[in-house]
Amino acid sequence: MIKNRIKEYRARYDMSQEDLAKRVGVRRETIGNLEKGRYNPSLVLAWNIAKVFHASIEEVFTVEE
């Protein structure tokens, strides 16, 4: 299972789900589903999200068994 810290990073950057979605080219619902763990991002999407937050993929996403 992939866990993420998207909500935490959005708060840090004062960014809404809609703002982040627009910056990475997905719908707001996709960001919401990622935050709730309902959806695992593609590598490209994970990379783009991390880039928005000036972080590494590993800082935003972690894999838990």
PDB file of N, CA and C in Angstrom:
ATOM      1  N   MET A   1       0.842  -1.185   0.000  1.00  0.00           N
ATOM      2  CA  MET A   1       0.000   0.000   0.000  1.00  0.00           C
ATOM      3  C   MET A   1       0.884   1.244   0.000  1.00  0.00           C
ATOM      4  N   ILE A   2       0.480   2.234  -0.756  1.00  0.00           N
ATOM      5  CA  ILE A   2       1.231   3.488  -0.820  1.00  0.00           C
ATOM      6  C   ILE A   2       0.541   4.524   0.059  1.00  0.00           C
ATOM      7  N   LYS A   3       1.274   5.044   1.007  1.00  0.00           N
ATOM      8  CA  LYS A   3       0.786   6.126   1.862  1.00  0.00           C
ATOM      9  C   LYS A   3       1.358   7.434   1.314  1.00  0.00           C
ATOM     10  N   ASN A   4       0.684   8.538   1.593  1.00  0.00           N
ATOM     11  CA  ASN A   4       1.207   9.811   1.108  1.00  0.00           C
ATOM     12  C   ASN A   4       0.984  10.928   2.116  1.00  0.00           C
ATOM     13  N   ARG A   5       1.707  11.989   1.897  1.00  0.00           N
ATOM     14  CA  ARG A   5       1.619  13.175   2.752  1.00  0.00           C
ATOM     15  C   ARG A   5       1.148  14.386   1.942  1.00  0.00           C
ATOM     16  N   ILE A   6       0.327  14.128   0.930  1.00  0.00           N
ATOM     17  CA  ILE A   6      -0.124  15.203   0.044  1.00  0.00           C
ATOM     18  C   ILE A   6      -0.874  16.282   0.821  1.00  0.00           C
ATOM     19  N   LYS A   7      -1.790  15.871   1.686  1.00  0.00           N
ATOM     20  CA  LYS A   7      -2.591  16.842   2.439  1.00  0.00           C
ATOM     21  C   LYS A   7      -1.689  17.732   3.297  1.00  0.00           C
ATOM     22  N   GLU A   8      -0.705  17.122   3.922  1.00  0.00           N
ATOM     23  CA  GLU A   8       0.248  17.876   4.748  1.00  0.00           C
ATOM     24  C   GLU A   8       1.025  18.885   3.901  1.00  0.00           C
ATOM     25  N   TYR A   9       1.503  18.449   2.748  1.00  0.00           N
ATOM     26  CA  TYR A   9       2.245  19.360   1.866  1.00  0.00           C
ATOM     27  C   TYR A   9       1.347  20.462   1.316  1.00  0.00           C
ATOM     28  N   ARG A  10       0.104  20.131   0.986  1.00  0.00           N
ATOM     29  CA  ARG A  10      -0.819  21.168   0.504  1.00  0.00           C
ATOM     30  C   ARG A  10      -1.028  22.235   1.563  1.00  0.00           C
ATOM     31  N   ALA A  11      -1.167  21.811   2.822  1.00  0.00           N
ATOM     32  CA  ALA A  11      -1.353  22.769   3.918  1.00  0.00           C
ATOM     33  C   ALA A  11      -0.117  23.665   4.055  1.00  0.00           C
ATOM     34  N   ARG A  12       1.045  23.064   3.944  1.00  0.00           N
ATOM     35  CA  ARG A  12       2.300  23.815   4.033  1.00  0.00           C
ATOM     36  C   ARG A  12       2.391  24.905   2.972  1.00  0.00           C
ATOM     37  N   TYR A  13       1.896  24.575   1.777  1.00  0.00           N
ATOM     38  CA  TYR A  13       1.953  25.506   0.649  1.00  0.00           C
ATOM     39  C   TYR A  13       0.655  26.284   0.466  1.00  0.00           C
ATOM     40  N   ASP A  14      -0.269  26.155   1.424  1.00  0.00           N
ATOM     41  CA  ASP A  14      -1.567  26.833   1.368  1.00  0.00           C
ATOM     42  C   ASP A  14      -2.228  26.607   0.002  1.00  0.00           C
ATOM     43  N   MET A  15      -2.355  25.359  -0.377  1.00  0.00           N
ATOM     44  CA  MET A  15      -2.829  24.974  -1.697  1.00  0.00           C
ATOM     45  C   MET A  15      -4.069  24.089  -1.560  1.00  0.00           C
ATOM     46  N   SER A  16      -5.076  24.366  -2.359  1.00  0.00           N
ATOM     47  CA  SER A  16      -6.282  23.536  -2.344  1.00  0.00           C
ATOM     48  C   SER A  16      -6.070  22.302  -3.223  1.00  0.00           C
ATOM     49  N   GLN A  17      -6.971  21.347  -3.091  1.00  0.00           N
ATOM     50  CA  GLN A  17      -6.917  20.179  -3.971  1.00  0.00           C
ATOM     51  C   GLN A  17      -7.038  20.617  -5.425  1.00  0.00           C
ATOM     52  N   GLU A  18      -7.904  21.572  -5.674  1.00  0.00           N
ATOM     53  CA  GLU A  18      -8.108  22.085  -7.037  1.00  0.00           C
ATOM     54  C   GLU A  18      -6.830  22.706  -7.583  1.00  0.00           C
ATOM     55  N   ASP A  19      -6.143  23.501  -6.760  1.00  0.00           N
ATOM     56  CA  ASP A  19      -4.883  24.130  -7.190  1.00  0.00           C
ATOM     57  C   ASP A  19      -3.855  23.076  -7.589  1.00  0.00           C
ATOM     58  N   LEU A  20      -3.692  22.082  -6.731  1.00  0.00           N
ATOM     59  CA  LEU A  20      -2.722  21.026  -7.021  1.00  0.00           C
ATOM     60  C   LEU A  20      -3.127  20.248  -8.272  1.00  0.00           C
ATOM     61  N   ALA A  21      -4.399  19.928  -8.385  1.00  0.00           N
ATOM     62  CA  ALA A  21      -4.882  19.181  -9.549  1.00  0.00           C
ATOM     63  C   ALA A  21      -4.557  19.921 -10.846  1.00  0.00           C
ATOM     64  N   LYS A  22      -4.795  21.215 -10.866  1.00  0.00           N
ATOM     65  CA  LYS A  22      -4.505  22.008 -12.068  1.00  0.00           C
ATOM     66  C   LYS A  22      -3.009  21.989 -12.397  1.00  0.00           C
ATOM     67  N   ARG A  23      -2.182  22.055 -11.367  1.00  0.00           N
ATOM     68  CA  ARG A  23      -0.730  22.101 -11.596  1.00  0.00           C
ATOM     69  C   ARG A  23      -0.172  20.786 -12.120  1.00  0.00           C
ATOM     70  N   VAL A  24      -0.830  19.673 -11.795  1.00  0.00           N
ATOM     71  CA  VAL A  24      -0.318  18.374 -12.250  1.00  0.00           C
ATOM     72  C   VAL A  24      -1.177  17.753 -13.359  1.00  0.00           C
ATOM     73  N   GLY A  25      -2.247  18.438 -13.769  1.00  0.00           N
ATOM     74  CA  GLY A  25      -3.033  17.991 -14.915  1.00  0.00           C
ATOM     75  C   GLY A  25      -4.002  16.855 -14.652  1.00  0.00           C
ATOM     76  N   VAL A  26      -4.600  16.836 -13.446  1.00  0.00           N
ATOM     77  CA  VAL A  26      -5.626  15.832 -13.134  1.00  0.00           C
ATOM     78  C   VAL A  26      -6.853  16.545 -12.562  1.00  0.00           C
ATOM     79  N   ARG A  27      -7.904  15.776 -12.312  1.00  0.00           N
ATOM     80  CA  ARG A  27      -9.109  16.354 -11.709  1.00  0.00           C
ATOM     81  C   ARG A  27      -8.941  16.447 -10.192  1.00  0.00           C
ATOM     82  N   ARG A  28      -9.686  17.345  -9.572  1.00  0.00           N
ATOM     83  CA  ARG A  28      -9.637  17.512  -8.123  1.00  0.00           C
ATOM     84  C   ARG A  28      -9.969  16.204  -7.405  1.00  0.00           C
ATOM     85  N   GLU A  29     -10.915  15.453  -7.969  1.00  0.00           N
ATOM     86  CA  GLU A  29     -11.312  14.190  -7.364  1.00  0.00           C
ATOM     87  C   GLU A  29     -10.149  13.206  -7.275  1.00  0.00           C
ATOM     88  N   THR A  30      -9.264  13.262  -8.245  1.00  0.00           N
ATOM     89  CA  THR A  30      -8.091  12.381  -8.232  1.00  0.00           C
ATOM     90  C   THR A  30      -7.206  12.697  -7.029  1.00  0.00           C
ATOM     91  N   ILE A  31      -7.008  13.974  -6.762  1.00  0.00           N
ATOM     92  CA  ILE A  31      -6.204  14.373  -5.603  1.00  0.00           C
ATOM     93  C   ILE A  31      -6.884  13.915  -4.322  1.00  0.00           C
ATOM     94  N   GLY A  32      -8.186  14.097  -4.221  1.00  0.00           N
ATOM     95  CA  GLY A  32      -8.928  13.641  -3.044  1.00  0.00           C
ATOM     96  C   GLY A  32      -8.801  12.143  -2.843  1.00  0.00           C
ATOM     97  N   ASN A  33      -8.920  11.390  -3.924  1.00  0.00           N
ATOM     98  CA  ASN A  33      -8.800   9.936  -3.830  1.00  0.00           C
ATOM     99  C   ASN A  33      -7.382   9.510  -3.464  1.00  0.00           C
ATOM    100  N   LEU A  34      -6.392  10.212  -3.949  1.00  0.00           N
ATOM    101  CA  LEU A  34      -5.014   9.922  -3.561  1.00  0.00           C
ATOM    102  C   LEU A  34      -4.833  10.143  -2.062  1.00  0.00           C
ATOM    103  N   GLU A  35      -5.321  11.268  -1.572  1.00  0.00           N
ATOM    104  CA  GLU A  35      -5.174  11.598  -0.149  1.00  0.00           C
ATOM    105  C   GLU A  35      -5.851  10.565   0.744  1.00  0.00           C
ATOM    106  N   LYS A  36      -6.965  10.015   0.288  1.00  0.00           N
ATOM    107  CA  LYS A  36      -7.709   9.032   1.085  1.00  0.00           C
ATOM    108  C   LYS A  36      -7.203   7.613   0.881  1.00  0.00           C
ATOM    109  N   GLY A  37      -6.199   7.444   0.034  1.00  0.00           N
ATOM    110  CA  GLY A  37      -5.637   6.122  -0.197  1.00  0.00           C
ATOM    111  C   GLY A  37      -6.480   5.228  -1.086  1.00  0.00           C
ATOM    112  N   ARG A  38      -7.407   5.808  -1.811  1.00  0.00           N
ATOM    113  CA  ARG A  38      -8.284   5.032  -2.697  1.00  0.00           C
ATOM    114  C   ARG A  38      -7.645   4.771  -4.057  1.00  0.00           C
ATOM    115  N   TYR A  39      -6.556   5.464  -4.324  1.00  0.00           N
ATOM    116  CA  TYR A  39      -5.958   5.423  -5.649  1.00  0.00           C
ATOM    117  C   TYR A  39      -4.451   5.509  -5.491  1.00  0.00           C
ATOM    118  N   ASN A  40      -3.715   4.679  -6.222  1.00  0.00           N
ATOM    119  CA  ASN A  40      -2.259   4.760  -6.240  1.00  0.00           C
ATOM    120  C   ASN A  40      -1.833   5.513  -7.487  1.00  0.00           C
ATOM    121  N   PRO A  41      -0.966   6.486  -7.339  1.00  0.00           N
ATOM    122  CA  PRO A  41      -0.581   7.297  -8.500  1.00  0.00           C
ATOM    123  C   PRO A  41       0.360   6.544  -9.428  1.00  0.00           C
ATOM    124  N   SER A  42       0.333   6.953 -10.671  1.00  0.00           N
ATOM    125  CA  SER A  42       1.353   6.471 -11.609  1.00  0.00           C
ATOM    126  C   SER A  42       2.677   7.111 -11.183  1.00  0.00           C
ATOM    127  N   LEU A  43       3.758   6.577 -11.675  1.00  0.00           N
ATOM    128  CA  LEU A  43       5.066   7.138 -11.353  1.00  0.00           C
ATOM    129  C   LEU A  43       5.158   8.581 -11.833  1.00  0.00           C
ATOM    130  N   VAL A  44       4.631   8.851 -13.011  1.00  0.00           N
ATOM    131  CA  VAL A  44       4.675  10.208 -13.562  1.00  0.00           C
ATOM    132  C   VAL A  44       3.884  11.172 -12.679  1.00  0.00           C
ATOM    133  N   LEU A  45       2.699  10.771 -12.241  1.00  0.00           N
ATOM    134  CA  LEU A  45       1.891  11.638 -11.383  1.00  0.00           C
ATOM    135  C   LEU A  45       2.579  11.865 -10.043  1.00  0.00           C
ATOM    136  N   ALA A  46       3.130  10.814  -9.457  1.00  0.00           N
ATOM    137  CA  ALA A  46       3.853  10.962  -8.187  1.00  0.00           C
ATOM    138  C   ALA A  46       5.020  11.928  -8.357  1.00  0.00           C
ATOM    139  N   TRP A  47       5.748  11.785  -9.449  1.00  0.00           N
ATOM    140  CA  TRP A  47       6.884  12.669  -9.736  1.00  0.00           C
ATOM    141  C   TRP A  47       6.415  14.122  -9.855  1.00  0.00           C
ATOM    142  N   ASN A  48       5.341  14.349 -10.598  1.00  0.00           N
ATOM    143  CA  ASN A  48       4.829  15.709 -10.795  1.00  0.00           C
ATOM    144  C   ASN A  48       4.342  16.326  -9.493  1.00  0.00           C
ATOM    145  N   ILE A  49       3.680  15.541  -8.658  1.00  0.00           N
ATOM    146  CA  ILE A  49       3.210  16.060  -7.370  1.00  0.00           C
ATOM    147  C   ILE A  49       4.404  16.436  -6.501  1.00  0.00           C
ATOM    148  N   ALA A  50       5.383  15.568  -6.416  1.00  0.00           N
ATOM    149  CA  ALA A  50       6.572  15.856  -5.611  1.00  0.00           C
ATOM    150  C   ALA A  50       7.278  17.107  -6.116  1.00  0.00           C
ATOM    151  N   LYS A  51       7.343  17.260  -7.429  1.00  0.00           N
ATOM    152  CA  LYS A  51       8.007  18.425  -8.026  1.00  0.00           C
ATOM    153  C   LYS A  51       7.319  19.733  -7.625  1.00  0.00           C
ATOM    154  N   VAL A  52       5.986  19.720  -7.588  1.00  0.00           N
ATOM    155  CA  VAL A  52       5.232  20.916  -7.177  1.00  0.00           C
ATOM    156  C   VAL A  52       5.645  21.341  -5.772  1.00  0.00           C
ATOM    157  N   PHE A  53       5.900  20.362  -4.901  1.00  0.00           N
ATOM    158  CA  PHE A  53       6.247  20.656  -3.512  1.00  0.00           C
ATOM    159  C   PHE A  53       7.749  20.768  -3.275  1.00  0.00           C
ATOM    160  N   HIS A  54       8.534  20.737  -4.360  1.00  0.00           N
ATOM    161  CA  HIS A  54      10.004  20.815  -4.239  1.00  0.00           C
ATOM    162  C   HIS A  54      10.518  19.745  -3.287  1.00  0.00           C
ATOM    163  N   ALA A  55       9.985  18.541  -3.443  1.00  0.00           N
ATOM    164  CA  ALA A  55      10.340  17.414  -2.575  1.00  0.00           C
ATOM    165  C   ALA A  55      10.663  16.210  -3.446  1.00  0.00           C
ATOM    166  N   SER A  56      11.261  15.209  -2.834  1.00  0.00           N
ATOM    167  CA  SER A  56      11.486  13.957  -3.557  1.00  0.00           C
ATOM    168  C   SER A  56      10.213  13.113  -3.470  1.00  0.00           C
ATOM    169  N   ILE A  57      10.103  12.159  -4.363  1.00  0.00           N
ATOM    170  CA  ILE A  57       8.947  11.261  -4.331  1.00  0.00           C
ATOM    171  C   ILE A  57       8.881  10.564  -2.971  1.00  0.00           C
ATOM    172  N   GLU A  58      10.041  10.162  -2.449  1.00  0.00           N
ATOM    173  CA  GLU A  58      10.094   9.433  -1.171  1.00  0.00           C
ATOM    174  C   GLU A  58       9.628  10.286   0.013  1.00  0.00           C
ATOM    175  N   GLU A  59       9.738  11.615  -0.115  1.00  0.00           N
ATOM    176  CA  GLU A  59       9.282  12.480   0.970  1.00  0.00           C
ATOM    177  C   GLU A  59       7.757  12.585   0.983  1.00  0.00           C
ATOM    178  N   VAL A  60       7.142  12.466  -0.172  1.00  0.00           N
ATOM    179  CA  VAL A  60       5.683  12.603  -0.286  1.00  0.00           C
ATOM    180  C   VAL A  60       4.979  11.252  -0.216  1.00  0.00           C
ATOM    181  N   PHE A  61       5.597  10.232  -0.804  1.00  0.00           N
ATOM    182  CA  PHE A  61       4.984   8.899  -0.877  1.00  0.00           C
ATOM    183  C   PHE A  61       5.869   7.867  -0.208  1.00  0.00           C
ATOM    184  N   THR A  62       5.249   6.950   0.540  1.00  0.00           N
ATOM    185  CA  THR A  62       5.970   5.837   1.143  1.00  0.00           C
ATOM    186  C   THR A  62       5.193   4.548   0.897  1.00  0.00           C
ATOM    187  N   VAL A  63       5.929   3.465   0.768  1.00  0.00           N
ATOM    188  CA  VAL A  63       5.304   2.159   0.550  1.00  0.00           C
ATOM    189  C   VAL A  63       5.288   1.406   1.857  1.00  0.00           C
ATOM    190  N   GLU A  64       4.108   0.924   2.236  1.00  0.00           N
ATOM    191  CA  GLU A  64       3.967   0.117   3.448  1.00  0.00           C
ATOM    192  C   GLU A  64       3.421  -1.243   3.058  1.00  0.00           C
ATOM    193  N   GLU A  65       3.979  -2.269   3.660  1.00  0.00           N
ATOM    194  CA  GLU A  65       3.531  -3.630   3.345  1.00  0.00           C
ATOM    195  C   GLU A  65       2.395  -4.048   4.249  1.00  0.00           C
TER     196      GLU A  65
END
